Amino acid sequence: MVMSNYMDLLGMYAPWFLILFMVVPMTLAELVLCSEIFSLLNKEKAGNSWPGLRKGASICLSIIFIFLFIYLVVAYIPTVAWKGPLDRLSIYSFLAAIIPAVYLLFIEIGIVGKAWNEHTKVVRHVLTVFLFVALTHLAMVFGMIDPQLGGYVPPQGQMNMHMNMNGNSQGHMHMNGNQMPSDCQGQMNGSQMPDNCPGNADNHMQGNGNMQMNGNNQSMSGQHNGHEMNMENNK
């Protein structure tokens, strides 16, 4: 599998870029949506603090994402080697989320929507946040897909590297499985195994011990029989 540039971005300076480009925007966007819901449910109650939380989270989300957008455009994208249409779609979807982020900031600071009533402002606010969440999730989904599924063909050197990695992993699996050589497997049901088979040295040691014990038993039996014959001759 080939890693997309989106996944390479999240893997840089781990775990900080993962937190900055995924955890922080997603958490703030969900916080905005939750505060929006609770502000509507508690709008008639005194001391409703949810609109203030929604405004603060919206402004923080917009400002942070503007800085992330500037970093991607200035420092990251000029160094990128694109890996097909899926790779471009993931990065461009993330960049496109700057539109709802800036629009959300304009709503909160009063540049846009001064003449709106409360209902219109809430609807526009919710739709803007939903658009931001949809674009960032789209970037995440396409960024996790193998770029080769979109027609990307990696360079020859990169393909050889992936093939070598796959071969090494398969060899490691065979070693972990304690696979025996074919000649050893063929002799397992027979009487004798070749010398290079695992555990054969233990079998030889055990066999030599049994032969030595049998020889000692035979020698002791012969000595005993000779002693009895000498006693009969003396009589």
C-alpha atoms as a PDB file:
ATOM      1  CA  MET A   1       0.000   0.000   0.000  1.00  0.00           C
ATOM      2  CA  VAL A   2       1.216   3.489  -0.889  1.00  0.00           C
ATOM      3  CA  MET A   3       0.686   6.285   1.645  1.00  0.00           C
ATOM      4  CA  SER A   4      -1.086   9.415   0.437  1.00  0.00           C
ATOM      5  CA  ASN A   5       0.333  12.881   1.016  1.00  0.00           C
ATOM      6  CA  TYR A   6      -2.467  13.509   3.513  1.00  0.00           C
ATOM      7  CA  MET A   7      -1.307  10.576   5.645  1.00  0.00           C
ATOM      8  CA  ASP A   8       2.312  11.648   5.228  1.00  0.00           C
ATOM      9  CA  LEU A   9       1.308  15.085   6.513  1.00  0.00           C
ATOM     10  CA  LEU A  10      -0.359  13.627   9.602  1.00  0.00           C
ATOM     11  CA  GLY A  11       2.695  11.465  10.247  1.00  0.00           C
ATOM     12  CA  MET A  12       5.120  14.387  10.253  1.00  0.00           C
ATOM     13  CA  TYR A  13       6.443  15.465  13.659  1.00  0.00           C
ATOM     14  CA  ALA A  14       4.287  12.794  15.292  1.00  0.00           C
ATOM     15  CA  PRO A  15       2.017  13.194  17.122  1.00  0.00           C
ATOM     16  CA  TRP A  16       1.844  16.995  16.808  1.00  0.00           C
ATOM     17  CA  PHE A  17       0.675  17.292  13.195  1.00  0.00           C
ATOM     18  CA  LEU A  18      -1.958  14.631  13.802  1.00  0.00           C
ATOM     19  CA  ILE A  19      -3.267  16.728  16.688  1.00  0.00           C
ATOM     20  CA  LEU A  20      -3.089  20.017  14.767  1.00  0.00           C
ATOM     21  CA  PHE A  21      -4.567  18.897  11.442  1.00  0.00           C
ATOM     22  CA  MET A  22      -7.141  16.382  12.674  1.00  0.00           C
ATOM     23  CA  VAL A  23      -7.863  16.346  16.404  1.00  0.00           C
ATOM     24  CA  VAL A  24      -8.085  20.109  17.006  1.00  0.00           C
ATOM     25  CA  PRO A  25     -10.314  21.028  13.996  1.00  0.00           C
ATOM     26  CA  MET A  26     -12.624  18.054  14.523  1.00  0.00           C
ATOM     27  CA  THR A  27     -12.968  18.704  18.246  1.00  0.00           C
ATOM     28  CA  LEU A  28     -13.711  22.404  17.807  1.00  0.00           C
ATOM     29  CA  ALA A  29     -16.215  21.761  14.999  1.00  0.00           C
ATOM     30  CA  GLU A  30     -18.093  19.212  17.085  1.00  0.00           C
ATOM     31  CA  LEU A  31     -18.006  21.576  20.050  1.00  0.00           C
ATOM     32  CA  VAL A  32     -19.583  24.292  17.887  1.00  0.00           C
ATOM     33  CA  LEU A  33     -22.345  21.935  16.765  1.00  0.00           C
ATOM     34  CA  CYS A  34     -23.058  20.734  20.307  1.00  0.00           C
ATOM     35  CA  SER A  35     -23.144  24.276  21.693  1.00  0.00           C
ATOM     36  CA  GLU A  36     -25.457  25.266  18.834  1.00  0.00           C
ATOM     37  CA  ILE A  37     -27.903  22.504  19.746  1.00  0.00           C
ATOM     38  CA  PHE A  38     -27.858  23.248  23.480  1.00  0.00           C
ATOM     39  CA  SER A  39     -28.196  26.985  22.878  1.00  0.00           C
ATOM     40  CA  LEU A  40     -31.392  26.323  20.920  1.00  0.00           C
ATOM     41  CA  LEU A  41     -32.741  23.991  23.608  1.00  0.00           C
ATOM     42  CA  ASN A  42     -32.029  26.483  26.384  1.00  0.00           C
ATOM     43  CA  LYS A  43     -32.705  29.771  24.581  1.00  0.00           C
ATOM     44  CA  GLU A  44     -35.608  30.680  26.854  1.00  0.00           C
ATOM     45  CA  LYS A  45     -33.684  30.000  30.064  1.00  0.00           C
ATOM     46  CA  ALA A  46     -31.902  32.753  31.938  1.00  0.00           C
ATOM     47  CA  GLY A  47     -28.133  32.560  32.141  1.00  0.00           C
ATOM     48  CA  ASN A  48     -27.760  30.556  28.936  1.00  0.00           C
ATOM     49  CA  SER A  49     -24.000  30.370  28.355  1.00  0.00           C
ATOM     50  CA  TRP A  50     -24.081  28.142  25.271  1.00  0.00           C
ATOM     51  CA  PRO A  51     -24.139  30.989  22.711  1.00  0.00           C
ATOM     52  CA  GLY A  52     -20.965  32.424  24.219  1.00  0.00           C
ATOM     53  CA  LEU A  53     -19.266  29.027  24.075  1.00  0.00           C
ATOM     54  CA  ARG A  54     -20.397  28.615  20.465  1.00  0.00           C
ATOM     55  CA  LYS A  55     -18.992  31.993  19.494  1.00  0.00           C
ATOM     56  CA  GLY A  56     -15.644  31.375  21.208  1.00  0.00           C
ATOM     57  CA  ALA A  57     -15.242  27.905  19.685  1.00  0.00           C
ATOM     58  CA  SER A  58     -16.196  29.200  16.231  1.00  0.00           C
ATOM     59  CA  ILE A  59     -13.623  32.001  16.332  1.00  0.00           C
ATOM     60  CA  CYS A  60     -10.873  29.651  17.592  1.00  0.00           C
ATOM     61  CA  LEU A  61     -11.712  27.111  14.881  1.00  0.00           C
ATOM     62  CA  SER A  62     -11.577  29.716  12.123  1.00  0.00           C
ATOM     63  CA  ILE A  63      -8.308  31.312  13.252  1.00  0.00           C
ATOM     64  CA  ILE A  64      -6.523  27.975  13.756  1.00  0.00           C
ATOM     65  CA  PHE A  65      -7.657  26.678  10.378  1.00  0.00           C
ATOM     66  CA  ILE A  66      -6.493  29.868   8.637  1.00  0.00           C
ATOM     67  CA  PHE A  67      -2.981  29.279  10.005  1.00  0.00           C
ATOM     68  CA  LEU A  68      -3.109  25.601   8.924  1.00  0.00           C
ATOM     69  CA  PHE A  69      -4.200  26.679   5.442  1.00  0.00           C
ATOM     70  CA  ILE A  70      -1.318  29.164   5.172  1.00  0.00           C
ATOM     71  CA  TYR A  71       1.181  26.510   6.244  1.00  0.00           C
ATOM     72  CA  LEU A  72      -0.089  24.014   3.666  1.00  0.00           C
ATOM     73  CA  VAL A  73      -0.044  26.518   0.810  1.00  0.00           C
ATOM     74  CA  VAL A  74       3.312  28.068   1.632  1.00  0.00           C
ATOM     75  CA  ALA A  75       5.421  25.286   3.133  1.00  0.00           C
ATOM     76  CA  TYR A  76       3.933  21.864   2.347  1.00  0.00           C
ATOM     77  CA  ILE A  77       2.232  21.792  -1.058  1.00  0.00           C
ATOM     78  CA  PRO A  78       5.236  23.189  -3.029  1.00  0.00           C
ATOM     79  CA  THR A  79       7.275  20.173  -1.864  1.00  0.00           C
ATOM     80  CA  VAL A  80       4.590  17.572  -2.638  1.00  0.00           C
ATOM     81  CA  ALA A  81       4.922  14.924  -5.362  1.00  0.00           C
ATOM     82  CA  TRP A  82       1.314  14.160  -6.246  1.00  0.00           C
ATOM     83  CA  LYS A  83       0.169  10.528  -6.207  1.00  0.00           C
ATOM     84  CA  GLY A  84      -2.826  10.535  -8.487  1.00  0.00           C
ATOM     85  CA  PRO A  85      -6.339  12.028  -8.395  1.00  0.00           C
ATOM     86  CA  LEU A  86      -7.330  10.557  -5.017  1.00  0.00           C
ATOM     87  CA  ASP A  87      -4.302  12.140  -3.424  1.00  0.00           C
ATOM     88  CA  ARG A  88      -5.130  15.531  -4.929  1.00  0.00           C
ATOM     89  CA  LEU A  89      -8.773  15.198  -3.900  1.00  0.00           C
ATOM     90  CA  SER A  90      -7.859  14.622  -0.261  1.00  0.00           C
ATOM     91  CA  ILE A  91      -5.548  17.650  -0.048  1.00  0.00           C
ATOM     92  CA  TYR A  92      -7.827  19.955  -2.060  1.00  0.00           C
ATOM     93  CA  SER A  93     -10.845  18.969   0.059  1.00  0.00           C
ATOM     94  CA  PHE A  94      -8.939  19.946   3.165  1.00  0.00           C
ATOM     95  CA  LEU A  95      -7.923  23.254   1.586  1.00  0.00           C
ATOM     96  CA  ALA A  96     -11.492  23.946   0.454  1.00  0.00           C
ATOM     97  CA  ALA A  97     -12.606  23.896   4.085  1.00  0.00           C
ATOM     98  CA  ILE A  98     -11.036  27.356   4.406  1.00  0.00           C
ATOM     99  CA  ILE A  99     -14.176  28.802   2.746  1.00  0.00           C
ATOM    100  CA  PRO A 100     -16.650  27.802   5.498  1.00  0.00           C
ATOM    101  CA  ALA A 101     -13.996  28.545   8.149  1.00  0.00           C
ATOM    102  CA  VAL A 102     -13.584  32.160   6.988  1.00  0.00           C
ATOM    103  CA  TYR A 103     -17.338  32.563   6.462  1.00  0.00           C
ATOM    104  CA  LEU A 104     -17.922  31.317  10.015  1.00  0.00           C
ATOM    105  CA  LEU A 105     -15.468  33.897  11.327  1.00  0.00           C
ATOM    106  CA  PHE A 106     -17.225  36.673   9.405  1.00  0.00           C
ATOM    107  CA  ILE A 107     -20.565  35.633  10.919  1.00  0.00           C
ATOM    108  CA  GLU A 108     -19.214  35.687  14.461  1.00  0.00           C
ATOM    109  CA  ILE A 109     -17.442  39.048  14.243  1.00  0.00           C
ATOM    110  CA  GLY A 110     -20.391  40.695  12.490  1.00  0.00           C
ATOM    111  CA  ILE A 111     -18.988  41.292   9.009  1.00  0.00           C
ATOM    112  CA  VAL A 112     -21.705  39.083   7.499  1.00  0.00           C
ATOM    113  CA  GLY A 113     -25.323  38.824   8.630  1.00  0.00           C
ATOM    114  CA  LYS A 114     -25.862  41.996  10.580  1.00  0.00           C
ATOM    115  CA  ALA A 115     -29.416  42.277   9.261  1.00  0.00           C
ATOM    116  CA  TRP A 116     -30.310  38.635   9.844  1.00  0.00           C
ATOM    117  CA  ASN A 117     -32.808  37.603  12.452  1.00  0.00           C
ATOM    118  CA  GLU A 118     -31.880  35.009  15.048  1.00  0.00           C
ATOM    119  CA  HIS A 119     -33.411  32.075  13.155  1.00  0.00           C
ATOM    120  CA  THR A 120     -31.602  32.897   9.904  1.00  0.00           C
ATOM    121  CA  LYS A 121     -28.313  33.343  11.726  1.00  0.00           C
ATOM    122  CA  VAL A 122     -28.627  29.983  13.439  1.00  0.00           C
ATOM    123  CA  VAL A 123     -29.480  28.198  10.177  1.00  0.00           C
ATOM    124  CA  ARG A 124     -26.572  29.781   8.298  1.00  0.00           C
ATOM    125  CA  HIS A 125     -24.253  29.049  11.178  1.00  0.00           C
ATOM    126  CA  VAL A 126     -25.203  25.367  11.334  1.00  0.00           C
ATOM    127  CA  LEU A 127     -24.962  24.884   7.566  1.00  0.00           C
ATOM    128  CA  THR A 128     -21.526  26.498   7.528  1.00  0.00           C
ATOM    129  CA  VAL A 129     -20.223  24.207  10.247  1.00  0.00           C
ATOM    130  CA  PHE A 130     -21.721  21.152   8.524  1.00  0.00           C
ATOM    131  CA  LEU A 131     -19.958  22.125   5.290  1.00  0.00           C
ATOM    132  CA  PHE A 132     -16.662  22.459   7.149  1.00  0.00           C
ATOM    133  CA  VAL A 133     -17.079  19.039   8.784  1.00  0.00           C
ATOM    134  CA  ALA A 134     -18.059  17.419   5.459  1.00  0.00           C
ATOM    135  CA  LEU A 135     -14.996  18.761   3.619  1.00  0.00           C
ATOM    136  CA  THR A 136     -12.534  17.791   6.341  1.00  0.00           C
ATOM    137  CA  HIS A 137     -14.040  14.312   6.605  1.00  0.00           C
ATOM    138  CA  LEU A 138     -13.900  13.962   2.830  1.00  0.00           C
ATOM    139  CA  ALA A 139     -10.205  14.803   2.970  1.00  0.00           C
ATOM    140  CA  MET A 140      -9.715  12.202   5.692  1.00  0.00           C
ATOM    141  CA  VAL A 141     -11.575   9.475   3.779  1.00  0.00           C
ATOM    142  CA  PHE A 142      -9.728   9.960   0.476  1.00  0.00           C
ATOM    143  CA  GLY A 143      -6.455  10.408   2.328  1.00  0.00           C
ATOM    144  CA  MET A 144      -6.778   6.949   3.868  1.00  0.00           C
ATOM    145  CA  ILE A 145      -7.366   5.249   0.500  1.00  0.00           C
ATOM    146  CA  ASP A 146      -4.445   3.741  -1.386  1.00  0.00           C
ATOM    147  CA  PRO A 147      -3.620   6.182  -4.230  1.00  0.00           C
ATOM    148  CA  GLN A 148      -3.064   3.188  -6.529  1.00  0.00           C
ATOM    149  CA  LEU A 149      -6.845   2.621  -6.543  1.00  0.00           C
ATOM    150  CA  GLY A 150      -7.172   5.915  -8.415  1.00  0.00           C
ATOM    151  CA  GLY A 151      -4.698   4.937 -11.128  1.00  0.00           C
ATOM    152  CA  TYR A 152      -1.466   6.080  -9.504  1.00  0.00           C
ATOM    153  CA  VAL A 153       1.575   4.018 -10.525  1.00  0.00           C
ATOM    154  CA  PRO A 154       4.500   4.405  -8.103  1.00  0.00           C
ATOM    155  CA  PRO A 155       8.045   4.752  -9.469  1.00  0.00           C
ATOM    156  CA  GLN A 156       9.997   1.566 -10.142  1.00  0.00           C
ATOM    157  CA  GLY A 157      12.294   2.048  -7.167  1.00  0.00           C
ATOM    158  CA  GLN A 158       9.345   2.526  -4.835  1.00  0.00           C
ATOM    159  CA  MET A 159       7.650  -0.586  -6.217  1.00  0.00           C
ATOM    160  CA  ASN A 160      10.783  -2.661  -5.630  1.00  0.00           C
ATOM    161  CA  MET A 161      11.001  -1.361  -2.074  1.00  0.00           C
ATOM    162  CA  HIS A 162       7.397  -2.396  -1.369  1.00  0.00           C
ATOM    163  CA  MET A 163       7.999  -5.825  -2.922  1.00  0.00           C
ATOM    164  CA  ASN A 164      11.081  -6.341  -0.771  1.00  0.00           C
ATOM    165  CA  MET A 165       9.154  -5.329   2.326  1.00  0.00           C
ATOM    166  CA  ASN A 166       6.397  -7.800   1.478  1.00  0.00           C
ATOM    167  CA  GLY A 167       8.956 -10.551   0.872  1.00  0.00           C
ATOM    168  CA  ASN A 168      10.643  -9.887   4.181  1.00  0.00           C
ATOM    169  CA  SER A 169       7.331  -9.970   6.019  1.00  0.00           C
ATOM    170  CA  GLN A 170       6.422 -13.306   4.413  1.00  0.00           C
ATOM    171  CA  GLY A 171       9.810 -14.743   5.330  1.00  0.00           C
ATOM    172  CA  HIS A 172       9.313 -13.582   8.897  1.00  0.00           C
ATOM    173  CA  MET A 173       5.936 -15.298   9.021  1.00  0.00           C
ATOM    174  CA  HIS A 174       7.498 -18.581   7.873  1.00  0.00           C
ATOM    175  CA  MET A 175      10.181 -18.305  10.526  1.00  0.00           C
ATOM    176  CA  ASN A 176       7.612 -17.623  13.214  1.00  0.00           C
ATOM    177  CA  GLY A 177       5.663 -20.641  12.036  1.00  0.00           C
ATOM    178  CA  ASN A 178       8.711 -22.905  12.643  1.00  0.00           C
ATOM    179  CA  GLN A 179       8.386 -24.380   9.196  1.00  0.00           C
ATOM    180  CA  MET A 180      10.718 -27.344   8.665  1.00  0.00           C
ATOM    181  CA  PRO A 181      12.566 -28.096   5.422  1.00  0.00           C
ATOM    182  CA  SER A 182      10.798 -30.288   2.885  1.00  0.00           C
ATOM    183  CA  ASP A 183      13.211 -33.208   3.338  1.00  0.00           C
ATOM    184  CA  CYS A 184      12.608 -33.083   7.089  1.00  0.00           C
ATOM    185  CA  GLN A 185       8.840 -33.117   6.558  1.00  0.00           C
ATOM    186  CA  GLY A 186       9.211 -36.096   4.279  1.00  0.00           C
ATOM    187  CA  GLN A 187      11.190 -38.020   6.919  1.00  0.00           C
ATOM    188  CA  MET A 188       8.935 -37.233   9.873  1.00  0.00           C
ATOM    189  CA  ASN A 189       6.910 -40.424   9.371  1.00  0.00           C
ATOM    190  CA  GLY A 190      10.072 -42.459   8.734  1.00  0.00           C
ATOM    191  CA  SER A 191      12.705 -43.739  11.062  1.00  0.00           C
ATOM    192  CA  GLN A 192      15.565 -41.275  10.569  1.00  0.00           C
ATOM    193  CA  MET A 193      15.740 -37.545   9.928  1.00  0.00           C
ATOM    194  CA  PRO A 194      18.588 -35.706   8.175  1.00  0.00           C
ATOM    195  CA  ASP A 195      21.252 -34.032  10.292  1.00  0.00           C
ATOM    196  CA  ASN A 196      20.182 -30.502   9.354  1.00  0.00           C
ATOM    197  CA  CYS A 197      16.648 -30.922  10.722  1.00  0.00           C
ATOM    198  CA  PRO A 198      15.649 -29.056  13.894  1.00  0.00           C
ATOM    199  CA  GLY A 199      15.767 -31.221  16.977  1.00  0.00           C
ATOM    200  CA  ASN A 200      17.805 -33.921  15.257  1.00  0.00           C
ATOM    201  CA  ALA A 201      20.738 -33.423  17.621  1.00  0.00           C
ATOM    202  CA  ASP A 202      18.464 -34.134  20.554  1.00  0.00           C
ATOM    203  CA  ASN A 203      17.262 -37.294  18.830  1.00  0.00           C
ATOM    204  CA  HIS A 204      20.854 -38.452  18.290  1.00  0.00           C
ATOM    205  CA  MET A 205      21.722 -37.799  21.925  1.00  0.00           C
ATOM    206  CA  GLN A 206      18.676 -39.699  23.079  1.00  0.00           C
ATOM    207  CA  GLY A 207      19.441 -42.588  20.721  1.00  0.00           C
ATOM    208  CA  ASN A 208      23.061 -42.801  21.834  1.00  0.00           C
ATOM    209  CA  GLY A 209      21.959 -42.835  25.453  1.00  0.00           C
ATOM    210  CA  ASN A 210      19.526 -45.673  24.829  1.00  0.00           C
ATOM    211  CA  MET A 211      22.178 -47.694  22.966  1.00  0.00           C
ATOM    212  CA  GLN A 212      24.695 -47.176  25.767  1.00  0.00           C
ATOM    213  CA  MET A 213      22.186 -48.261  28.407  1.00  0.00           C
ATOM    214  CA  ASN A 214      21.325 -51.376  26.397  1.00  0.00           C
ATOM    215  CA  GLY A 215      25.018 -52.191  26.005  1.00  0.00           C
ATOM    216  CA  ASN A 216      25.618 -51.815  29.713  1.00  0.00           C
ATOM    217  CA  ASN A 217      22.684 -54.083  30.489  1.00  0.00           C
ATOM    218  CA  GLN A 218      23.994 -56.748  28.127  1.00  0.00           C
ATOM    219  CA  SER A 219      27.500 -56.516  29.636  1.00  0.00           C
ATOM    220  CA  MET A 220      26.191 -56.879  33.175  1.00  0.00           C
ATOM    221  CA  SER A 221      24.061 -59.874  32.143  1.00  0.00           C
ATOM    222  CA  GLY A 222      27.079 -61.567  30.532  1.00  0.00           C
ATOM    223  CA  GLN A 223      29.215 -61.041  33.612  1.00  0.00           C
ATOM    224  CA  HIS A 224      26.503 -62.515  35.825  1.00  0.00           C
ATOM    225  CA  ASN A 225      26.181 -65.648  33.671  1.00  0.00           C
ATOM    226  CA  GLY A 226      29.993 -66.144  33.668  1.00  0.00           C
ATOM    227  CA  HIS A 227      30.126 -65.909  37.438  1.00  0.00           C
ATOM    228  CA  GLU A 228      27.455 -68.603  37.809  1.00  0.00           C
ATOM    229  CA  MET A 229      29.378 -70.962  35.455  1.00  0.00           C
ATOM    230  CA  ASN A 230      32.580 -70.546  37.497  1.00  0.00           C
ATOM    231  CA  MET A 231      30.738 -71.404  40.709  1.00  0.00           C
ATOM    232  CA  GLU A 232      29.377 -74.649  39.163  1.00  0.00           C
ATOM    233  CA  ASN A 233      32.814 -75.694  37.913  1.00  0.00           C
ATOM    234  CA  ASN A 234      34.324 -75.222  41.393  1.00  0.00           C
ATOM    235  CA  LYS A 235      31.696 -77.476  42.856  1.00  0.00           C
END
